[in-house]
Amino acid sequence: MIAFVSIVILTFAFALIVLGGVTVWLEEGRRRLQGVALAVTGILTSVGYAFLGSRFSLQLFGRLIVRVDLPVLMATALTYTLGVSAGTALGLGLFLWATDRFQGRVERTVVASVVSGLLVALVVTFFAVVLSSP
């Protein structure tokens, strides 16, 4: 059960970071600040959760709060998330192409989502590996 909860939390944090980045890129003014707030919330959630399963948690609390192999779990969560996202994007892209609604703004949004998602995944996985290594 803890693995399922961990995947939900990490996927939620990943989605917040990606959606925050897309919001910052596409919006202007005060709405751009909302994107920053989303991304920061996702980063703090993922870093905080990674901390609870790291060796630093042992030093601070005397025990591991989260007892899972976070790097493996994060790789699994990101694989599932990317798989579902890729399948959804393919279906949505085919739908937009078939209905002739595929415009330049949609292209930029998809590219921004993919690029920011990959960057966030690499950074968060790196933090989890660093925090979990003895």
N, C-alpha and C. Protein backbone atom coordinates (compact mmCIF):
# COMPACT_ATOMS: atom_id res chain seq x y z
N MET A 1 0.81 -1.20 0.00
CA MET A 1 0.00 0.00 0.00
C MET A 1 0.86 1.27 0.00
N ILE A 2 2.00 1.24 0.72
CA ILE A 2 2.86 2.41 0.77
C ILE A 2 3.45 2.72 -0.61
N ALA A 3 3.68 1.66 -1.41
CA ALA A 3 4.18 1.90 -2.77
C ALA A 3 3.14 2.63 -3.61
N PHE A 4 1.88 2.24 -3.47
CA PHE A 4 0.81 2.89 -4.22
C PHE A 4 0.68 4.36 -3.81
N VAL A 5 0.69 4.61 -2.50
CA VAL A 5 0.57 5.98 -2.00
C VAL A 5 1.77 6.81 -2.46
N SER A 6 2.95 6.20 -2.44
CA SER A 6 4.14 6.91 -2.88
C SER A 6 4.06 7.27 -4.36
N ILE A 7 3.58 6.35 -5.18
CA ILE A 7 3.43 6.64 -6.61
C ILE A 7 2.41 7.75 -6.82
N VAL A 8 1.32 7.74 -6.07
CA VAL A 8 0.31 8.80 -6.19
C VAL A 8 0.92 10.15 -5.82
N ILE A 9 1.64 10.20 -4.72
CA ILE A 9 2.23 11.47 -4.26
C ILE A 9 3.27 11.97 -5.25
N LEU A 10 4.14 11.09 -5.70
CA LEU A 10 5.19 11.51 -6.63
C LEU A 10 4.63 11.90 -7.99
N THR A 11 3.62 11.20 -8.46
CA THR A 11 2.99 11.55 -9.73
C THR A 11 2.25 12.88 -9.61
N PHE A 12 1.59 13.09 -8.48
CA PHE A 12 0.92 14.36 -8.22
C PHE A 12 1.93 15.51 -8.24
N ALA A 13 3.04 15.33 -7.56
CA ALA A 13 4.07 16.37 -7.53
C ALA A 13 4.63 16.63 -8.92
N PHE A 14 4.87 15.56 -9.68
CA PHE A 14 5.37 15.68 -11.04
C PHE A 14 4.38 16.46 -11.91
N ALA A 15 3.10 16.16 -11.79
CA ALA A 15 2.08 16.85 -12.57
C ALA A 15 2.02 18.33 -12.19
N LEU A 16 2.13 18.64 -10.91
CA LEU A 16 2.12 20.04 -10.49
C LEU A 16 3.29 20.82 -11.09
N ILE A 17 4.45 20.20 -11.12
CA ILE A 17 5.64 20.87 -11.65
C ILE A 17 5.48 21.10 -13.15
N VAL A 18 5.04 20.08 -13.87
CA VAL A 18 4.88 20.21 -15.32
C VAL A 18 3.80 21.24 -15.65
N LEU A 19 2.65 21.15 -15.00
CA LEU A 19 1.57 22.09 -15.27
C LEU A 19 1.94 23.52 -14.86
N GLY A 20 2.71 23.65 -13.79
CA GLY A 20 3.19 24.97 -13.40
C GLY A 20 4.12 25.56 -14.45
N GLY A 21 5.01 24.74 -14.98
CA GLY A 21 5.91 25.21 -16.03
C GLY A 21 5.18 25.61 -17.30
N VAL A 22 4.19 24.83 -17.68
CA VAL A 22 3.40 25.16 -18.87
C VAL A 22 2.61 26.44 -18.62
N THR A 23 2.09 26.62 -17.42
CA THR A 23 1.34 27.83 -17.09
C THR A 23 2.25 29.06 -17.15
N VAL A 24 3.45 28.94 -16.61
CA VAL A 24 4.39 30.06 -16.67
C VAL A 24 4.71 30.41 -18.12
N TRP A 25 4.86 29.40 -18.96
CA TRP A 25 5.24 29.62 -20.35
C TRP A 25 4.11 30.24 -21.16
N LEU A 26 2.88 29.81 -20.93
CA LEU A 26 1.77 30.25 -21.77
C LEU A 26 1.03 31.49 -21.26
N GLU A 27 1.07 31.74 -19.96
CA GLU A 27 0.27 32.83 -19.40
C GLU A 27 1.10 34.10 -19.25
N GLU A 28 0.38 35.17 -18.92
CA GLU A 28 1.03 36.46 -18.69
C GLU A 28 0.52 37.06 -17.39
N GLY A 29 1.29 37.96 -16.83
CA GLY A 29 0.87 38.71 -15.65
C GLY A 29 0.72 37.86 -14.40
N ARG A 30 -0.42 38.07 -13.72
CA ARG A 30 -0.64 37.38 -12.44
C ARG A 30 -0.81 35.88 -12.63
N ARG A 31 -1.30 35.46 -13.76
CA ARG A 31 -1.48 34.02 -14.00
C ARG A 31 -0.13 33.30 -14.08
N ARG A 32 0.89 34.01 -14.51
CA ARG A 32 2.22 33.42 -14.55
C ARG A 32 2.70 33.10 -13.13
N LEU A 33 2.34 33.95 -12.19
CA LEU A 33 2.69 33.71 -10.78
C LEU A 33 2.00 32.46 -10.25
N GLN A 34 0.80 32.18 -10.71
CA GLN A 34 0.11 30.95 -10.32
C GLN A 34 0.88 29.72 -10.80
N GLY A 35 1.45 29.81 -11.98
CA GLY A 35 2.28 28.71 -12.48
C GLY A 35 3.51 28.49 -11.63
N VAL A 36 4.13 29.57 -11.20
CA VAL A 36 5.30 29.46 -10.32
C VAL A 36 4.89 28.81 -9.00
N ALA A 37 3.74 29.21 -8.47
CA ALA A 37 3.26 28.63 -7.21
C ALA A 37 2.99 27.13 -7.38
N LEU A 38 2.41 26.73 -8.50
CA LEU A 38 2.17 25.30 -8.76
C LEU A 38 3.48 24.53 -8.81
N ALA A 39 4.45 25.06 -9.55
CA ALA A 39 5.73 24.37 -9.70
C ALA A 39 6.46 24.27 -8.37
N VAL A 40 6.47 25.33 -7.60
CA VAL A 40 7.15 25.32 -6.29
C VAL A 40 6.48 24.32 -5.35
N THR A 41 5.15 24.27 -5.39
CA THR A 41 4.43 23.30 -4.56
C THR A 41 4.81 21.87 -4.94
N GLY A 42 4.89 21.59 -6.23
CA GLY A 42 5.29 20.25 -6.68
C GLY A 42 6.71 19.91 -6.28
N ILE A 43 7.61 20.87 -6.40
CA ILE A 43 9.01 20.63 -6.02
C ILE A 43 9.12 20.38 -4.52
N LEU A 44 8.45 21.20 -3.72
CA LEU A 44 8.51 21.01 -2.27
C LEU A 44 7.89 19.67 -1.85
N THR A 45 6.82 19.27 -2.52
CA THR A 45 6.19 17.98 -2.21
C THR A 45 7.13 16.84 -2.52
N SER A 46 7.75 16.85 -3.70
CA SER A 46 8.63 15.74 -4.08
C SER A 46 9.90 15.71 -3.24
N VAL A 47 10.48 16.86 -2.97
CA VAL A 47 11.70 16.90 -2.16
C VAL A 47 11.38 16.48 -0.71
N GLY A 48 10.26 16.94 -0.19
CA GLY A 48 9.86 16.55 1.17
C GLY A 48 9.61 15.06 1.29
N TYR A 49 8.97 14.49 0.29
CA TYR A 49 8.70 13.06 0.33
C TYR A 49 9.98 12.25 0.17
N ALA A 50 10.87 12.72 -0.70
CA ALA A 50 12.16 12.05 -0.85
C ALA A 50 12.96 12.13 0.44
N PHE A 51 12.86 13.25 1.15
CA PHE A 51 13.55 13.40 2.43
C PHE A 51 13.07 12.37 3.45
N LEU A 52 11.76 12.10 3.47
CA LEU A 52 11.22 11.17 4.46
C LEU A 52 11.73 9.74 4.28
N GLY A 53 12.20 9.40 3.11
CA GLY A 53 12.74 8.06 2.86
C GLY A 53 14.25 8.03 2.74
N SER A 54 14.91 9.11 3.14
CA SER A 54 16.36 9.20 2.97
C SER A 54 17.10 8.96 4.28
N ARG A 55 18.41 8.91 4.17
CA ARG A 55 19.24 8.71 5.36
C ARG A 55 19.18 9.92 6.29
N PHE A 56 18.83 11.08 5.76
CA PHE A 56 18.69 12.27 6.60
C PHE A 56 17.48 12.15 7.52
N SER A 57 16.48 11.40 7.09
CA SER A 57 15.33 11.14 7.94
C SER A 57 15.75 10.32 9.17
N LEU A 58 16.69 9.40 8.95
CA LEU A 58 17.22 8.62 10.07
C LEU A 58 17.91 9.52 11.09
N GLN A 59 18.70 10.47 10.59
CA GLN A 59 19.42 11.36 11.50
C GLN A 59 18.49 12.29 12.26
N LEU A 60 17.43 12.75 11.61
CA LEU A 60 16.54 13.70 12.24
C LEU A 60 15.48 13.04 13.13
N PHE A 61 14.86 11.96 12.62
CA PHE A 61 13.76 11.32 13.35
C PHE A 61 14.15 10.01 14.03
N GLY A 62 15.32 9.48 13.69
CA GLY A 62 15.74 8.21 14.27
C GLY A 62 15.17 7.00 13.55
N ARG A 63 14.39 7.21 12.52
CA ARG A 63 13.82 6.11 11.74
C ARG A 63 13.42 6.63 10.37
N LEU A 64 13.20 5.70 9.47
CA LEU A 64 12.69 6.07 8.15
C LEU A 64 11.17 6.23 8.25
N ILE A 65 10.66 7.33 7.79
CA ILE A 65 9.22 7.54 7.79
C ILE A 65 8.59 6.77 6.64
N VAL A 66 9.24 6.80 5.49
CA VAL A 66 8.76 6.09 4.31
C VAL A 66 9.75 4.98 4.02
N ARG A 67 9.30 3.73 4.09
CA ARG A 67 10.19 2.58 3.90
C ARG A 67 9.97 1.94 2.53
N VAL A 68 10.44 2.64 1.51
CA VAL A 68 10.42 2.11 0.15
C VAL A 68 11.73 2.50 -0.51
N ASP A 69 12.07 1.80 -1.57
CA ASP A 69 13.25 2.15 -2.35
C ASP A 69 12.84 3.27 -3.30
N LEU A 70 13.05 4.52 -2.86
CA LEU A 70 12.53 5.67 -3.61
C LEU A 70 13.06 5.78 -5.04
N PRO A 71 14.35 5.56 -5.32
CA PRO A 71 14.78 5.67 -6.71
C PRO A 71 14.06 4.67 -7.62
N VAL A 72 13.91 3.44 -7.17
CA VAL A 72 13.20 2.44 -7.98
C VAL A 72 11.73 2.80 -8.11
N LEU A 73 11.15 3.24 -7.00
CA LEU A 73 9.74 3.62 -7.01
C LEU A 73 9.50 4.83 -7.91
N MET A 74 10.40 5.81 -7.86
CA MET A 74 10.25 6.98 -8.71
C MET A 74 10.42 6.61 -10.18
N ALA A 75 11.33 5.73 -10.47
CA ALA A 75 11.48 5.27 -11.86
C ALA A 75 10.20 4.58 -12.32
N THR A 76 9.61 3.76 -11.46
CA THR A 76 8.35 3.09 -11.79
C THR A 76 7.23 4.11 -11.98
N ALA A 77 7.13 5.06 -11.07
CA ALA A 77 6.08 6.08 -11.16
C ALA A 77 6.23 6.91 -12.42
N LEU A 78 7.46 7.31 -12.73
CA LEU A 78 7.68 8.11 -13.93
C LEU A 78 7.44 7.30 -15.19
N THR A 79 7.79 6.01 -15.16
CA THR A 79 7.52 5.16 -16.31
C THR A 79 6.02 5.05 -16.55
N TYR A 80 5.26 4.80 -15.49
CA TYR A 80 3.80 4.72 -15.63
C TYR A 80 3.22 6.06 -16.09
N THR A 81 3.69 7.15 -15.49
CA THR A 81 3.18 8.47 -15.86
C THR A 81 3.49 8.79 -17.32
N LEU A 82 4.74 8.55 -17.72
CA LEU A 82 5.11 8.82 -19.11
C LEU A 82 4.36 7.91 -20.08
N GLY A 83 4.14 6.66 -19.68
CA GLY A 83 3.39 5.75 -20.54
C GLY A 83 1.95 6.20 -20.73
N VAL A 84 1.30 6.55 -19.64
CA VAL A 84 -0.08 7.03 -19.73
C VAL A 84 -0.13 8.36 -20.49
N SER A 85 0.81 9.25 -20.21
CA SER A 85 0.84 10.54 -20.91
C SER A 85 1.09 10.36 -22.40
N ALA A 86 2.00 9.48 -22.75
CA ALA A 86 2.29 9.24 -24.17
C ALA A 86 1.07 8.65 -24.88
N GLY A 87 0.43 7.69 -24.26
CA GLY A 87 -0.76 7.11 -24.87
C GLY A 87 -1.87 8.13 -25.02
N THR A 88 -2.07 8.95 -24.01
CA THR A 88 -3.09 10.00 -24.07
C THR A 88 -2.74 11.03 -25.14
N ALA A 89 -1.49 11.43 -25.19
CA ALA A 89 -1.05 12.41 -26.18
C ALA A 89 -1.23 11.87 -27.60
N LEU A 90 -0.92 10.59 -27.81
CA LEU A 90 -1.11 10.01 -29.14
C LEU A 90 -2.58 10.00 -29.53
N GLY A 91 -3.43 9.60 -28.60
CA GLY A 91 -4.86 9.59 -28.88
C GLY A 91 -5.40 11.00 -29.12
N LEU A 92 -4.99 11.94 -28.29
CA LEU A 92 -5.44 13.32 -28.45
C LEU A 92 -4.91 13.92 -29.75
N GLY A 93 -3.65 13.66 -30.06
CA GLY A 93 -3.07 14.16 -31.31
C GLY A 93 -3.79 13.62 -32.53
N LEU A 94 -4.11 12.34 -32.50
CA LEU A 94 -4.84 11.74 -33.62
C LEU A 94 -6.23 12.35 -33.75
N PHE A 95 -6.88 12.57 -32.60
CA PHE A 95 -8.21 13.19 -32.60
C PHE A 95 -8.14 14.61 -33.18
N LEU A 96 -7.17 15.41 -32.71
CA LEU A 96 -7.05 16.79 -33.19
C LEU A 96 -6.70 16.83 -34.68
N TRP A 97 -5.87 15.90 -35.12
CA TRP A 97 -5.51 15.85 -36.54
C TRP A 97 -6.71 15.44 -37.38
N ALA A 98 -7.45 14.44 -36.93
CA ALA A 98 -8.60 13.96 -37.69
C ALA A 98 -9.72 15.00 -37.76
N THR A 99 -9.86 15.81 -36.73
CA THR A 99 -10.91 16.82 -36.73
C THR A 99 -10.40 18.17 -37.23
N ASP A 100 -9.16 18.23 -37.68
CA ASP A 100 -8.53 19.43 -38.23
C ASP A 100 -8.51 20.58 -37.22
N ARG A 101 -8.26 20.26 -35.97
CA ARG A 101 -8.18 21.28 -34.92
C ARG A 101 -6.76 21.43 -34.38
N PHE A 102 -5.81 20.82 -35.05
CA PHE A 102 -4.42 20.87 -34.60
C PHE A 102 -3.81 22.20 -35.03
N GLN A 103 -3.53 23.08 -34.09
CA GLN A 103 -3.01 24.40 -34.40
C GLN A 103 -1.64 24.57 -33.77
N GLY A 104 -0.99 25.67 -34.12
CA GLY A 104 0.36 25.94 -33.61
C GLY A 104 0.44 26.02 -32.10
N ARG A 105 -0.58 26.56 -31.46
CA ARG A 105 -0.55 26.69 -30.00
C ARG A 105 -0.57 25.32 -29.33
N VAL A 106 -1.30 24.37 -29.90
CA VAL A 106 -1.34 23.02 -29.35
C VAL A 106 0.03 22.37 -29.49
N GLU A 107 0.68 22.60 -30.63
CA GLU A 107 2.02 22.05 -30.83
C GLU A 107 2.99 22.55 -29.77
N ARG A 108 2.97 23.84 -29.52
CA ARG A 108 3.88 24.42 -28.52
C ARG A 108 3.58 23.88 -27.13
N THR A 109 2.32 23.70 -26.82
CA THR A 109 1.94 23.19 -25.51
C THR A 109 2.44 21.77 -25.31
N VAL A 110 2.28 20.93 -26.33
CA VAL A 110 2.74 19.55 -26.24
C VAL A 110 4.26 19.50 -26.09
N VAL A 111 4.97 20.29 -26.88
CA VAL A 111 6.44 20.32 -26.79
C VAL A 111 6.87 20.81 -25.42
N ALA A 112 6.22 21.85 -24.92
CA ALA A 112 6.56 22.38 -23.59
C ALA A 112 6.30 21.34 -22.51
N SER A 113 5.20 20.61 -22.61
CA SER A 113 4.88 19.58 -21.61
C SER A 113 5.92 18.48 -21.62
N VAL A 114 6.30 18.03 -22.79
CA VAL A 114 7.27 16.93 -22.89
C VAL A 114 8.64 17.37 -22.37
N VAL A 115 9.12 18.52 -22.82
CA VAL A 115 10.44 18.98 -22.42
C VAL A 115 10.49 19.27 -20.92
N SER A 116 9.52 20.00 -20.41
CA SER A 116 9.54 20.30 -18.98
C SER A 116 9.34 19.04 -18.15
N GLY A 117 8.53 18.11 -18.63
CA GLY A 117 8.33 16.85 -17.91
C GLY A 117 9.61 16.05 -17.81
N LEU A 118 10.35 15.97 -18.90
CA LEU A 118 11.62 15.24 -18.87
C LEU A 118 12.63 15.90 -17.94
N LEU A 119 12.72 17.22 -17.99
CA LEU A 119 13.66 17.92 -17.12
C LEU A 119 13.30 17.74 -15.64
N VAL A 120 12.04 17.86 -15.33
CA VAL A 120 11.61 17.70 -13.94
C VAL A 120 11.86 16.26 -13.48
N ALA A 121 11.57 15.30 -14.33
CA ALA A 121 11.79 13.90 -13.98
C ALA A 121 13.26 13.63 -13.69
N LEU A 122 14.14 14.16 -14.50
CA LEU A 122 15.57 13.96 -14.28
C LEU A 122 16.04 14.61 -12.98
N VAL A 123 15.60 15.83 -12.72
CA VAL A 123 16.02 16.54 -11.51
C VAL A 123 15.50 15.85 -10.25
N VAL A 124 14.22 15.49 -10.25
CA VAL A 124 13.63 14.86 -9.06
C VAL A 124 14.25 13.49 -8.82
N THR A 125 14.48 12.72 -9.88
CA THR A 125 15.11 11.41 -9.73
C THR A 125 16.54 11.55 -9.21
N PHE A 126 17.26 12.55 -9.69
CA PHE A 126 18.61 12.81 -9.20
C PHE A 126 18.60 13.12 -7.71
N PHE A 127 17.67 13.97 -7.27
CA PHE A 127 17.56 14.29 -5.83
C PHE A 127 17.24 13.04 -5.02
N ALA A 128 16.36 12.20 -5.53
CA ALA A 128 16.00 10.99 -4.79
C ALA A 128 17.19 10.05 -4.68
N VAL A 129 17.96 9.92 -5.74
CA VAL A 129 19.14 9.04 -5.70
C VAL A 129 20.17 9.59 -4.73
N VAL A 130 20.41 10.89 -4.77
CA VAL A 130 21.40 11.51 -3.88
C VAL A 130 20.96 11.37 -2.42
N LEU A 131 19.69 11.63 -2.15
CA LEU A 131 19.21 11.56 -0.77
C LEU A 131 19.14 10.13 -0.25
N SER A 132 18.95 9.16 -1.13
CA SER A 132 18.80 7.78 -0.69
C SER A 132 20.10 7.00 -0.62
N SER A 133 21.14 7.53 -1.23
CA SER A 133 22.42 6.79 -1.20
C SER A 133 23.06 6.93 0.17
N PRO A 134 23.71 5.84 0.64
CA PRO A 134 24.31 5.89 1.99
C PRO A 134 25.55 6.75 2.06
